N, C-alpha and C. Protein backbone atom coordinates (compact mmCIF):
# COMPACT_ATOMS: atom_id res chain seq x y z
N MET A 1 18.11 15.93 -9.39
CA MET A 1 16.78 15.72 -8.87
C MET A 1 16.10 14.53 -9.52
N GLN A 2 16.33 14.34 -10.82
CA GLN A 2 15.72 13.24 -11.53
C GLN A 2 16.24 11.90 -11.01
N ILE A 3 17.50 11.87 -10.61
CA ILE A 3 18.07 10.62 -10.09
C ILE A 3 17.40 10.25 -8.77
N VAL A 4 17.15 11.23 -7.93
CA VAL A 4 16.49 10.97 -6.64
C VAL A 4 15.08 10.44 -6.88
N LEU A 5 14.36 11.03 -7.80
CA LEU A 5 13.01 10.56 -8.10
C LEU A 5 13.02 9.16 -8.71
N LEU A 6 14.00 8.88 -9.54
CA LEU A 6 14.11 7.56 -10.15
C LEU A 6 14.42 6.51 -9.08
N VAL A 7 15.33 6.82 -8.18
CA VAL A 7 15.67 5.89 -7.11
C VAL A 7 14.47 5.68 -6.18
N ALA A 8 13.77 6.76 -5.85
CA ALA A 8 12.58 6.64 -4.99
C ALA A 8 11.51 5.78 -5.66
N GLY A 9 11.25 6.02 -6.91
CA GLY A 9 10.27 5.21 -7.64
C GLY A 9 10.68 3.75 -7.71
N GLY A 10 11.96 3.49 -7.93
CA GLY A 10 12.45 2.11 -7.97
C GLY A 10 12.31 1.40 -6.64
N LEU A 11 12.62 2.11 -5.56
CA LEU A 11 12.50 1.50 -4.23
C LEU A 11 11.04 1.24 -3.86
N PHE A 12 10.16 2.16 -4.21
CA PHE A 12 8.73 1.92 -3.95
C PHE A 12 8.22 0.76 -4.79
N GLY A 13 8.70 0.65 -6.01
CA GLY A 13 8.32 -0.48 -6.86
C GLY A 13 8.84 -1.80 -6.30
N LEU A 14 10.06 -1.79 -5.77
CA LEU A 14 10.62 -2.98 -5.15
C LEU A 14 9.82 -3.38 -3.91
N ALA A 15 9.39 -2.40 -3.13
CA ALA A 15 8.56 -2.68 -1.96
C ALA A 15 7.22 -3.28 -2.38
N ALA A 16 6.67 -2.81 -3.49
CA ALA A 16 5.41 -3.36 -3.98
C ALA A 16 5.57 -4.81 -4.42
N VAL A 17 6.67 -5.11 -5.08
CA VAL A 17 6.92 -6.50 -5.51
C VAL A 17 7.12 -7.41 -4.30
N ALA A 18 7.85 -6.93 -3.30
CA ALA A 18 8.05 -7.73 -2.08
C ALA A 18 6.73 -7.95 -1.35
N ALA A 19 5.87 -6.94 -1.34
CA ALA A 19 4.56 -7.09 -0.69
C ALA A 19 3.70 -8.09 -1.46
N LEU A 20 3.74 -8.04 -2.78
CA LEU A 20 2.98 -9.02 -3.58
C LEU A 20 3.47 -10.45 -3.31
N TYR A 21 4.77 -10.61 -3.16
CA TYR A 21 5.32 -11.92 -2.84
C TYR A 21 4.79 -12.41 -1.49
N ARG A 22 4.74 -11.52 -0.50
CA ARG A 22 4.27 -11.91 0.83
C ARG A 22 2.76 -12.17 0.82
N ILE A 23 2.02 -11.46 -0.02
CA ILE A 23 0.58 -11.73 -0.13
C ILE A 23 0.35 -13.13 -0.70
N ILE A 24 1.14 -13.51 -1.68
CA ILE A 24 0.98 -14.81 -2.31
C ILE A 24 1.48 -15.93 -1.39
N ARG A 25 2.64 -15.75 -0.76
CA ARG A 25 3.27 -16.82 0.01
C ARG A 25 3.08 -16.72 1.51
N GLY A 26 2.33 -15.70 1.98
CA GLY A 26 2.19 -15.49 3.42
C GLY A 26 1.64 -16.70 4.14
N PRO A 27 2.28 -17.10 5.23
CA PRO A 27 1.79 -18.30 5.91
C PRO A 27 0.50 -18.08 6.70
N SER A 28 0.18 -16.84 7.03
CA SER A 28 -1.04 -16.60 7.81
C SER A 28 -1.80 -15.41 7.24
N ALA A 29 -3.02 -15.27 7.72
CA ALA A 29 -3.86 -14.17 7.25
C ALA A 29 -3.31 -12.82 7.71
N ILE A 30 -2.71 -12.79 8.88
CA ILE A 30 -2.16 -11.52 9.38
C ILE A 30 -1.01 -11.06 8.50
N ASP A 31 -0.16 -12.00 8.07
CA ASP A 31 0.93 -11.64 7.15
C ASP A 31 0.40 -11.07 5.85
N ARG A 32 -0.66 -11.65 5.34
CA ARG A 32 -1.25 -11.16 4.09
C ARG A 32 -1.88 -9.78 4.27
N ILE A 33 -2.49 -9.54 5.42
CA ILE A 33 -3.11 -8.24 5.67
C ILE A 33 -2.05 -7.16 5.78
N VAL A 34 -0.98 -7.45 6.50
CA VAL A 34 0.11 -6.47 6.63
C VAL A 34 0.76 -6.22 5.28
N ALA A 35 0.94 -7.26 4.48
CA ALA A 35 1.51 -7.09 3.15
C ALA A 35 0.59 -6.27 2.25
N ALA A 36 -0.71 -6.44 2.38
CA ALA A 36 -1.64 -5.62 1.60
C ALA A 36 -1.56 -4.16 2.02
N ASP A 37 -1.37 -3.90 3.30
CA ASP A 37 -1.19 -2.53 3.75
C ASP A 37 0.11 -1.93 3.20
N VAL A 38 1.16 -2.72 3.18
CA VAL A 38 2.44 -2.25 2.61
C VAL A 38 2.29 -1.98 1.12
N LEU A 39 1.58 -2.86 0.43
CA LEU A 39 1.34 -2.66 -1.01
C LEU A 39 0.55 -1.38 -1.25
N ASN A 40 -0.46 -1.16 -0.44
CA ASN A 40 -1.26 0.05 -0.59
C ASN A 40 -0.41 1.30 -0.31
N ALA A 41 0.41 1.25 0.72
CA ALA A 41 1.27 2.39 1.02
C ALA A 41 2.27 2.64 -0.11
N SER A 42 2.79 1.56 -0.70
CA SER A 42 3.72 1.71 -1.82
C SER A 42 3.03 2.36 -3.02
N ILE A 43 1.81 1.96 -3.29
CA ILE A 43 1.07 2.55 -4.40
C ILE A 43 0.79 4.02 -4.13
N LEU A 44 0.42 4.35 -2.90
CA LEU A 44 0.19 5.75 -2.54
C LEU A 44 1.47 6.57 -2.73
N CYS A 45 2.59 6.03 -2.32
CA CYS A 45 3.86 6.75 -2.48
C CYS A 45 4.24 6.89 -3.95
N LEU A 46 4.01 5.84 -4.73
CA LEU A 46 4.30 5.94 -6.17
C LEU A 46 3.44 7.01 -6.84
N LEU A 47 2.17 7.09 -6.45
CA LEU A 47 1.32 8.15 -7.01
C LEU A 47 1.78 9.52 -6.56
N GLY A 48 2.26 9.62 -5.33
CA GLY A 48 2.80 10.89 -4.84
C GLY A 48 4.05 11.30 -5.61
N VAL A 49 4.91 10.34 -5.90
CA VAL A 49 6.11 10.64 -6.70
C VAL A 49 5.71 11.07 -8.10
N GLU A 50 4.72 10.40 -8.67
CA GLU A 50 4.25 10.78 -10.01
C GLU A 50 3.70 12.20 -10.01
N MET A 51 2.97 12.56 -8.95
CA MET A 51 2.45 13.93 -8.86
C MET A 51 3.58 14.94 -8.73
N ALA A 52 4.62 14.59 -7.98
CA ALA A 52 5.75 15.51 -7.81
C ALA A 52 6.53 15.67 -9.11
N VAL A 53 6.70 14.58 -9.84
CA VAL A 53 7.46 14.65 -11.09
C VAL A 53 6.71 15.47 -12.13
N ASN A 54 5.42 15.23 -12.28
CA ASN A 54 4.63 15.92 -13.30
C ASN A 54 4.04 17.24 -12.82
N GLN A 55 4.24 17.58 -11.56
CA GLN A 55 3.81 18.85 -10.97
C GLN A 55 2.32 19.12 -11.22
N HIS A 56 1.49 18.18 -10.78
CA HIS A 56 0.05 18.36 -10.86
C HIS A 56 -0.60 17.73 -9.64
N THR A 57 -1.87 18.00 -9.47
CA THR A 57 -2.62 17.41 -8.35
C THR A 57 -3.86 16.67 -8.85
N ASN A 58 -3.81 16.18 -10.06
CA ASN A 58 -4.97 15.50 -10.64
C ASN A 58 -5.27 14.18 -9.95
N THR A 59 -4.26 13.51 -9.44
CA THR A 59 -4.48 12.20 -8.82
C THR A 59 -4.67 12.29 -7.30
N LEU A 60 -4.83 13.48 -6.78
CA LEU A 60 -5.04 13.63 -5.34
C LEU A 60 -6.33 12.96 -4.87
N PRO A 61 -7.46 13.06 -5.59
CA PRO A 61 -8.65 12.31 -5.15
C PRO A 61 -8.43 10.79 -5.13
N VAL A 62 -7.64 10.29 -6.06
CA VAL A 62 -7.33 8.86 -6.07
C VAL A 62 -6.54 8.49 -4.82
N LEU A 63 -5.59 9.34 -4.44
CA LEU A 63 -4.82 9.10 -3.22
C LEU A 63 -5.72 9.06 -1.99
N LEU A 64 -6.64 9.98 -1.91
CA LEU A 64 -7.52 10.04 -0.75
C LEU A 64 -8.44 8.82 -0.68
N VAL A 65 -8.97 8.40 -1.80
CA VAL A 65 -9.86 7.23 -1.81
C VAL A 65 -9.08 5.96 -1.46
N LEU A 66 -7.87 5.81 -2.00
CA LEU A 66 -7.06 4.64 -1.66
C LEU A 66 -6.71 4.62 -0.18
N ALA A 67 -6.39 5.78 0.38
CA ALA A 67 -6.08 5.84 1.81
C ALA A 67 -7.30 5.49 2.65
N LEU A 68 -8.47 5.95 2.24
CA LEU A 68 -9.70 5.61 2.96
C LEU A 68 -9.98 4.12 2.91
N PHE A 69 -9.83 3.51 1.73
CA PHE A 69 -10.05 2.07 1.61
C PHE A 69 -9.03 1.29 2.44
N ALA A 70 -7.81 1.78 2.52
CA ALA A 70 -6.79 1.09 3.31
C ALA A 70 -7.16 1.09 4.79
N ILE A 71 -7.62 2.21 5.29
CA ILE A 71 -8.00 2.30 6.70
C ILE A 71 -9.20 1.40 6.99
N VAL A 72 -10.22 1.50 6.15
CA VAL A 72 -11.42 0.69 6.36
C VAL A 72 -11.10 -0.80 6.23
N GLY A 73 -10.28 -1.16 5.27
CA GLY A 73 -9.91 -2.56 5.09
C GLY A 73 -9.13 -3.11 6.26
N SER A 74 -8.19 -2.33 6.78
CA SER A 74 -7.40 -2.79 7.92
C SER A 74 -8.27 -2.96 9.16
N ILE A 75 -9.15 -2.03 9.40
CA ILE A 75 -10.02 -2.11 10.57
C ILE A 75 -10.97 -3.30 10.45
N SER A 76 -11.54 -3.49 9.28
CA SER A 76 -12.48 -4.61 9.13
C SER A 76 -11.75 -5.95 9.22
N ALA A 77 -10.55 -6.05 8.69
CA ALA A 77 -9.80 -7.30 8.80
C ALA A 77 -9.41 -7.58 10.24
N ALA A 78 -9.01 -6.55 10.97
CA ALA A 78 -8.65 -6.74 12.38
C ALA A 78 -9.86 -7.17 13.20
N ARG A 79 -11.00 -6.56 12.94
CA ARG A 79 -12.21 -6.96 13.66
C ARG A 79 -12.62 -8.39 13.31
N PHE A 80 -12.49 -8.76 12.05
CA PHE A 80 -12.84 -10.12 11.64
C PHE A 80 -11.93 -11.14 12.32
N LEU A 81 -10.62 -10.86 12.35
CA LEU A 81 -9.70 -11.80 12.97
C LEU A 81 -9.93 -11.87 14.48
N ALA A 82 -10.27 -10.74 15.10
CA ALA A 82 -10.57 -10.77 16.53
C ALA A 82 -11.84 -11.55 16.80
N TRP A 83 -12.85 -11.40 15.95
CA TRP A 83 -14.10 -12.15 16.09
C TRP A 83 -13.87 -13.64 15.86
N LYS A 84 -13.00 -13.97 14.91
CA LYS A 84 -12.71 -15.36 14.59
C LYS A 84 -12.00 -16.05 15.75
N GLU A 85 -11.12 -15.34 16.47
CA GLU A 85 -10.40 -15.93 17.59
C GLU A 85 -11.31 -16.13 18.80
N GLU A 86 -12.34 -15.28 18.94
CA GLU A 86 -13.26 -15.42 20.07
C GLU A 86 -14.14 -16.66 19.93
N GLY A 87 -14.63 -16.87 18.72
CA GLY A 87 -15.61 -17.93 18.53
C GLY A 87 -15.09 -19.21 18.10
């Protein structure tokens, strides 16, 4: 079981590093927004793995707040880009 958790944590960490690379080098704003969503999802998954390993729910409020900010951020960025293309 520990090997599965270690592999899962490593893969989520690799996804976070790849998302950071795309945020820095992204050729467009849409690429950076999608990469930020991937980074946020990776962080949420890493916190979920940490909760499963340590068998607690102390970081559950942090997960909920991060998920809320991700949704609000994605919607606001999409609206901004749509407004920018109109005008």
